[in-house]
Amino acid sequence: MDSLTFGAPKFLRHLMDPSSRKTHVMEFDVSKVLEELNLTMDQFIDLCILCGCDYCDSIKGNT
């Protein structure tokens, strides 16, 4: 989902997953995510960093 933090308007999950025949493709629209979470884009980015990402270590004690 890192692509949403870099400005992609939508994200598709499980599209190319070999098990996608059993799993539905999930579509995430960044504007809907922000609206549902009641966050600004900057707050969403901060939340993603706090949850952990591929580019830095997660905060200890955060599960």
PDB file of N, CA and C in Angstrom:
ATOM      1  N   MET A   1       0.805  -1.190   0.000  1.00  0.00           N
ATOM      2  CA  MET A   1       0.000   0.000   0.000  1.00  0.00           C
ATOM      3  C   MET A   1       0.849   1.254   0.000  1.00  0.00           C
ATOM      4  N   ASP A   2       2.150   1.077   0.008  1.00  0.00           N
ATOM      5  CA  ASP A   2       3.037   2.242  -0.008  1.00  0.00           C
ATOM      6  C   ASP A   2       2.737   3.160  -1.182  1.00  0.00           C
ATOM      7  N   SER A   3       2.240   2.601  -2.265  1.00  0.00           N
ATOM      8  CA  SER A   3       1.981   3.420  -3.453  1.00  0.00           C
ATOM      9  C   SER A   3       0.955   4.513  -3.172  1.00  0.00           C
ATOM     10  N   LEU A   4       0.020   4.277  -2.254  1.00  0.00           N
ATOM     11  CA  LEU A   4      -0.959   5.312  -1.914  1.00  0.00           C
ATOM     12  C   LEU A   4      -0.279   6.512  -1.270  1.00  0.00           C
ATOM     13  N   THR A   5       0.744   6.259  -0.464  1.00  0.00           N
ATOM     14  CA  THR A   5       1.437   7.367   0.196  1.00  0.00           C
ATOM     15  C   THR A   5       2.285   8.177  -0.779  1.00  0.00           C
ATOM     16  N   PHE A   6       2.609   7.582  -1.924  1.00  0.00           N
ATOM     17  CA  PHE A   6       3.399   8.283  -2.936  1.00  0.00           C
ATOM     18  C   PHE A   6       2.533   8.935  -4.004  1.00  0.00           C
ATOM     19  N   GLY A   7       1.214   8.946  -3.808  1.00  0.00           N
ATOM     20  CA  GLY A   7       0.343   9.695  -4.699  1.00  0.00           C
ATOM     21  C   GLY A   7      -0.475   8.887  -5.681  1.00  0.00           C
ATOM     22  N   ALA A   8      -0.384   7.559  -5.643  1.00  0.00           N
ATOM     23  CA  ALA A   8      -1.236   6.758  -6.528  1.00  0.00           C
ATOM     24  C   ALA A   8      -2.687   6.933  -6.079  1.00  0.00           C
ATOM     25  N   PRO A   9      -3.598   7.224  -7.004  1.00  0.00           N
ATOM     26  CA  PRO A   9      -4.991   7.442  -6.604  1.00  0.00           C
ATOM     27  C   PRO A   9      -5.709   6.158  -6.204  1.00  0.00           C
ATOM     28  N   LYS A  10      -5.251   5.025  -6.719  1.00  0.00           N
ATOM     29  CA  LYS A  10      -5.884   3.741  -6.410  1.00  0.00           C
ATOM     30  C   LYS A  10      -4.820   2.663  -6.259  1.00  0.00           C
ATOM     31  N   PHE A  11      -5.186   1.617  -5.529  1.00  0.00           N
ATOM     32  CA  PHE A  11      -4.295   0.486  -5.305  1.00  0.00           C
ATOM     33  C   PHE A  11      -5.115  -0.786  -5.423  1.00  0.00           C
ATOM     34  N   LEU A  12      -4.633  -1.737  -6.214  1.00  0.00           N
ATOM     35  CA  LEU A  12      -5.296  -3.032  -6.355  1.00  0.00           C
ATOM     36  C   LEU A  12      -4.457  -4.086  -5.657  1.00  0.00           C
ATOM     37  N   ARG A  13      -5.094  -4.841  -4.789  1.00  0.00           N
ATOM     38  CA  ARG A  13      -4.392  -5.887  -4.040  1.00  0.00           C
ATOM     39  C   ARG A  13      -4.899  -7.250  -4.478  1.00  0.00           C
ATOM     40  N   HIS A  14      -4.009  -8.202  -4.562  1.00  0.00           N
ATOM     41  CA  HIS A  14      -4.293  -9.583  -4.966  1.00  0.00           C
ATOM     42  C   HIS A  14      -4.588  -9.711  -6.458  1.00  0.00           C
ATOM     43  N   LEU A  15      -4.231  -8.723  -7.252  1.00  0.00           N
ATOM     44  CA  LEU A  15      -4.524  -8.779  -8.683  1.00  0.00           C
ATOM     45  C   LEU A  15      -3.736  -9.889  -9.364  1.00  0.00           C
ATOM     46  N   MET A  16      -2.460 -10.014  -9.046  1.00  0.00           N
ATOM     47  CA  MET A  16      -1.608 -11.013  -9.686  1.00  0.00           C
ATOM     48  C   MET A  16      -1.249 -12.156  -8.737  1.00  0.00           C
ATOM     49  N   ASP A  17      -1.887 -12.206  -7.605  1.00  0.00           N
ATOM     50  CA  ASP A  17      -1.623 -13.247  -6.615  1.00  0.00           C
ATOM     51  C   ASP A  17      -2.051 -14.604  -7.167  1.00  0.00           C
ATOM     52  N   PRO A  18      -1.168 -15.606  -7.102  1.00  0.00           N
ATOM     53  CA  PRO A  18      -1.539 -16.934  -7.612  1.00  0.00           C
ATOM     54  C   PRO A  18      -2.792 -17.500  -6.944  1.00  0.00           C
ATOM     55  N   SER A  19      -3.040 -17.082  -5.717  1.00  0.00           N
ATOM     56  CA  SER A  19      -4.233 -17.574  -5.028  1.00  0.00           C
ATOM     57  C   SER A  19      -5.441 -16.679  -5.269  1.00  0.00           C
ATOM     58  N   SER A  20      -5.339 -15.751  -6.233  1.00  0.00           N
ATOM     59  CA  SER A  20      -6.425 -14.796  -6.465  1.00  0.00           C
ATOM     60  C   SER A  20      -7.704 -15.462  -6.948  1.00  0.00           C
ATOM     61  N   ARG A  21      -7.603 -16.693  -7.395  1.00  0.00           N
ATOM     62  CA  ARG A  21      -8.828 -17.401  -7.772  1.00  0.00           C
ATOM     63  C   ARG A  21      -9.696 -17.647  -6.543  1.00  0.00           C
ATOM     64  N   LYS A  22      -9.035 -17.732  -5.390  1.00  0.00           N
ATOM     65  CA  LYS A  22      -9.754 -17.950  -4.139  1.00  0.00           C
ATOM     66  C   LYS A  22      -9.989 -16.642  -3.383  1.00  0.00           C
ATOM     67  N   THR A  23      -9.217 -15.624  -3.713  1.00  0.00           N
ATOM     68  CA  THR A  23      -9.279 -14.344  -3.025  1.00  0.00           C
ATOM     69  C   THR A  23      -9.749 -13.267  -3.991  1.00  0.00           C
ATOM     70  N   HIS A  24     -10.654 -12.439  -3.540  1.00  0.00           N
ATOM     71  CA  HIS A  24     -11.138 -11.348  -4.378  1.00  0.00           C
ATOM     72  C   HIS A  24     -10.081 -10.249  -4.484  1.00  0.00           C
ATOM     73  N   VAL A  25     -10.022  -9.614  -5.631  1.00  0.00           N
ATOM     74  CA  VAL A  25      -9.156  -8.453  -5.812  1.00  0.00           C
ATOM     75  C   VAL A  25      -9.740  -7.317  -4.979  1.00  0.00           C
ATOM     76  N   MET A  26      -8.879  -6.642  -4.236  1.00  0.00           N
ATOM     77  CA  MET A  26      -9.311  -5.531  -3.392  1.00  0.00           C
ATOM     78  C   MET A  26      -8.860  -4.219  -4.026  1.00  0.00           C
ATOM     79  N   GLU A  27      -9.763  -3.257  -4.119  1.00  0.00           N
ATOM     80  CA  GLU A  27      -9.443  -1.936  -4.665  1.00  0.00           C
ATOM     81  C   GLU A  27      -9.511  -0.906  -3.544  1.00  0.00           C
ATOM     82  N   PHE A  28      -8.435  -0.142  -3.407  1.00  0.00           N
ATOM     83  CA  PHE A  28      -8.385   0.927  -2.421  1.00  0.00           C
ATOM     84  C   PHE A  28      -8.289   2.254  -3.159  1.00  0.00           C
ATOM     85  N   ASP A  29      -9.194   3.154  -2.883  1.00  0.00           N
ATOM     86  CA  ASP A  29      -9.199   4.501  -3.453  1.00  0.00           C
ATOM     87  C   ASP A  29      -8.731   5.443  -2.347  1.00  0.00           C
ATOM     88  N   VAL A  30      -7.630   6.150  -2.586  1.00  0.00           N
ATOM     89  CA  VAL A  30      -7.030   6.961  -1.522  1.00  0.00           C
ATOM     90  C   VAL A  30      -8.008   7.998  -0.979  1.00  0.00           C
ATOM     91  N   SER A  31      -8.835   8.592  -1.815  1.00  0.00           N
ATOM     92  CA  SER A  31      -9.777   9.601  -1.319  1.00  0.00           C
ATOM     93  C   SER A  31     -10.815   8.974  -0.390  1.00  0.00           C
ATOM     94  N   LYS A  32     -11.247   7.759  -0.697  1.00  0.00           N
ATOM     95  CA  LYS A  32     -12.210   7.068   0.174  1.00  0.00           C
ATOM     96  C   LYS A  32     -11.553   6.627   1.477  1.00  0.00           C
ATOM     97  N   VAL A  33     -10.303   6.182   1.390  1.00  0.00           N
ATOM     98  CA  VAL A  33      -9.565   5.785   2.596  1.00  0.00           C
ATOM     99  C   VAL A  33      -9.417   6.983   3.526  1.00  0.00           C
ATOM    100  N   LEU A  34      -9.017   8.124   2.973  1.00  0.00           N
ATOM    101  CA  LEU A  34      -8.851   9.332   3.780  1.00  0.00           C
ATOM    102  C   LEU A  34     -10.173   9.759   4.405  1.00  0.00           C
ATOM    103  N   GLU A  35     -11.242   9.672   3.629  1.00  0.00           N
ATOM    104  CA  GLU A  35     -12.564  10.060   4.128  1.00  0.00           C
ATOM    105  C   GLU A  35     -13.018   9.130   5.257  1.00  0.00           C
ATOM    106  N   GLU A  36     -12.866   7.832   5.056  1.00  0.00           N
ATOM    107  CA  GLU A  36     -13.300   6.857   6.067  1.00  0.00           C
ATOM    108  C   GLU A  36     -12.499   6.986   7.361  1.00  0.00           C
ATOM    109  N   LEU A  37     -11.209   7.260   7.239  1.00  0.00           N
ATOM    110  CA  LEU A  37     -10.358   7.397   8.419  1.00  0.00           C
ATOM    111  C   LEU A  37     -10.368   8.812   8.989  1.00  0.00           C
ATOM    112  N   ASN A  38     -11.011   9.739   8.259  1.00  0.00           N
ATOM    113  CA  ASN A  38     -11.061  11.145   8.657  1.00  0.00           C
ATOM    114  C   ASN A  38      -9.651  11.701   8.870  1.00  0.00           C
ATOM    115  N   LEU A  39      -8.791  11.475   7.867  1.00  0.00           N
ATOM    116  CA  LEU A  39      -7.401  11.912   7.921  1.00  0.00           C
ATOM    117  C   LEU A  39      -7.064  12.781   6.717  1.00  0.00           C
ATOM    118  N   THR A  40      -6.085  13.654   6.907  1.00  0.00           N
ATOM    119  CA  THR A  40      -5.491  14.353   5.770  1.00  0.00           C
ATOM    120  C   THR A  40      -4.450  13.418   5.160  1.00  0.00           C
ATOM    121  N   MET A  41      -3.949  13.765   3.998  1.00  0.00           N
ATOM    122  CA  MET A  41      -2.921  12.937   3.365  1.00  0.00           C
ATOM    123  C   MET A  41      -1.667  12.876   4.236  1.00  0.00           C
ATOM    124  N   ASP A  42      -1.277  14.003   4.823  1.00  0.00           N
ATOM    125  CA  ASP A  42      -0.098  14.021   5.699  1.00  0.00           C
ATOM    126  C   ASP A  42      -0.301  13.115   6.915  1.00  0.00           C
ATOM    127  N   GLN A  43      -1.495  13.137   7.489  1.00  0.00           N
ATOM    128  CA  GLN A  43      -1.786  12.272   8.630  1.00  0.00           C
ATOM    129  C   GLN A  43      -1.769  10.801   8.222  1.00  0.00           C
ATOM    130  N   PHE A  44      -2.280  10.507   7.030  1.00  0.00           N
ATOM    131  CA  PHE A  44      -2.283   9.134   6.520  1.00  0.00           C
ATOM    132  C   PHE A  44      -0.853   8.628   6.339  1.00  0.00           C
ATOM    133  N   ILE A  45       0.008   9.470   5.796  1.00  0.00           N
ATOM    134  CA  ILE A  45       1.415   9.094   5.625  1.00  0.00           C
ATOM    135  C   ILE A  45       2.054   8.820   6.983  1.00  0.00           C
ATOM    136  N   ASP A  46       1.791   9.691   7.957  1.00  0.00           N
ATOM    137  CA  ASP A  46       2.323   9.476   9.307  1.00  0.00           C
ATOM    138  C   ASP A  46       1.819   8.156   9.888  1.00  0.00           C
ATOM    139  N   LEU A  47       0.541   7.860   9.699  1.00  0.00           N
ATOM    140  CA  LEU A  47      -0.032   6.606  10.188  1.00  0.00           C
ATOM    141  C   LEU A  47       0.658   5.406   9.554  1.00  0.00           C
ATOM    142  N   CYS A  48       0.891   5.476   8.258  1.00  0.00           N
ATOM    143  CA  CYS A  48       1.558   4.378   7.556  1.00  0.00           C
ATOM    144  C   CYS A  48       2.974   4.168   8.076  1.00  0.00           C
ATOM    145  N   ILE A  49       3.681   5.256   8.340  1.00  0.00           N
ATOM    146  CA  ILE A  49       5.038   5.153   8.883  1.00  0.00           C
ATOM    147  C   ILE A  49       4.999   4.518  10.270  1.00  0.00           C
ATOM    148  N   LEU A  50       4.048   4.933  11.095  1.00  0.00           N
ATOM    149  CA  LEU A  50       3.929   4.364  12.435  1.00  0.00           C
ATOM    150  C   LEU A  50       3.593   2.874  12.397  1.00  0.00           C
ATOM    151  N   CYS A  51       2.844   2.457  11.381  1.00  0.00           N
ATOM    152  CA  CYS A  51       2.472   1.043  11.240  1.00  0.00           C
ATOM    153  C   CYS A  51       3.615   0.205  10.690  1.00  0.00           C
ATOM    154  N   GLY A  52       4.618   0.861  10.137  1.00  0.00           N
ATOM    155  CA  GLY A  52       5.765   0.155   9.568  1.00  0.00           C
ATOM    156  C   GLY A  52       5.691   0.137   8.057  1.00  0.00           C
ATOM    157  N   CYS A  53       6.862   0.142   7.449  1.00  0.00           N
ATOM    158  CA  CYS A  53       6.919   0.142   5.992  1.00  0.00           C
ATOM    159  C   CYS A  53       8.178  -0.587   5.531  1.00  0.00           C
ATOM    160  N   ASP A  54       8.329  -0.721   4.243  1.00  0.00           N
ATOM    161  CA  ASP A  54       9.476  -1.420   3.669  1.00  0.00           C
ATOM    162  C   ASP A  54      10.768  -0.616   3.769  1.00  0.00           C
ATOM    163  N   TYR A  55      10.670   0.676   4.060  1.00  0.00           N
ATOM    164  CA  TYR A  55      11.816   1.564   3.967  1.00  0.00           C
ATOM    165  C   TYR A  55      12.452   1.896   5.306  1.00  0.00           C
ATOM    166  N   CYS A  56      11.788   1.557   6.403  1.00  0.00           N
ATOM    167  CA  CYS A  56      12.365   1.822   7.719  1.00  0.00           C
ATOM    168  C   CYS A  56      11.838   0.784   8.711  1.00  0.00           C
ATOM    169  N   ASP A  57      12.540   0.646   9.812  1.00  0.00           N
ATOM    170  CA  ASP A  57      12.122  -0.292  10.845  1.00  0.00           C
ATOM    171  C   ASP A  57      10.830   0.185  11.496  1.00  0.00           C
ATOM    172  N   SER A  58      10.038  -0.762  11.960  1.00  0.00           N
ATOM    173  CA  SER A  58       8.821  -0.423  12.690  1.00  0.00           C
ATOM    174  C   SER A  58       9.185   0.089  14.077  1.00  0.00           C
ATOM    175  N   ILE A  59       8.294   0.838  14.665  1.00  0.00           N
ATOM    176  CA  ILE A  59       8.497   1.332  16.015  1.00  0.00           C
ATOM    177  C   ILE A  59       8.303   0.162  16.975  1.00  0.00           C
ATOM    178  N   LYS A  60       9.232  -0.024  17.891  1.00  0.00           N
ATOM    179  CA  LYS A  60       9.145  -1.133  18.846  1.00  0.00           C
ATOM    180  C   LYS A  60       7.886  -0.991  19.693  1.00  0.00           C
ATOM    181  N   GLY A  61       7.228  -2.111  19.912  1.00  0.00           N
ATOM    182  CA  GLY A  61       6.017  -2.118  20.723  1.00  0.00           C
ATOM    183  C   GLY A  61       4.757  -1.863  19.928  1.00  0.00           C
ATOM    184  N   ASN A  62       4.890  -1.539  18.649  1.00  0.00           N
ATOM    185  CA  ASN A  62       3.736  -1.294  17.788  1.00  0.00           C
ATOM    186  C   ASN A  62       3.397  -2.598  17.078  1.00  0.00           C
ATOM    187  N   THR A  63       2.214  -3.129  17.320  1.00  0.00           N
ATOM    188  CA  THR A  63       1.843  -4.391  16.678  1.00  0.00           C
ATOM    189  C   THR A  63       0.756  -4.201  15.669  1.00  0.00           C
TER     190      THR A  63
END
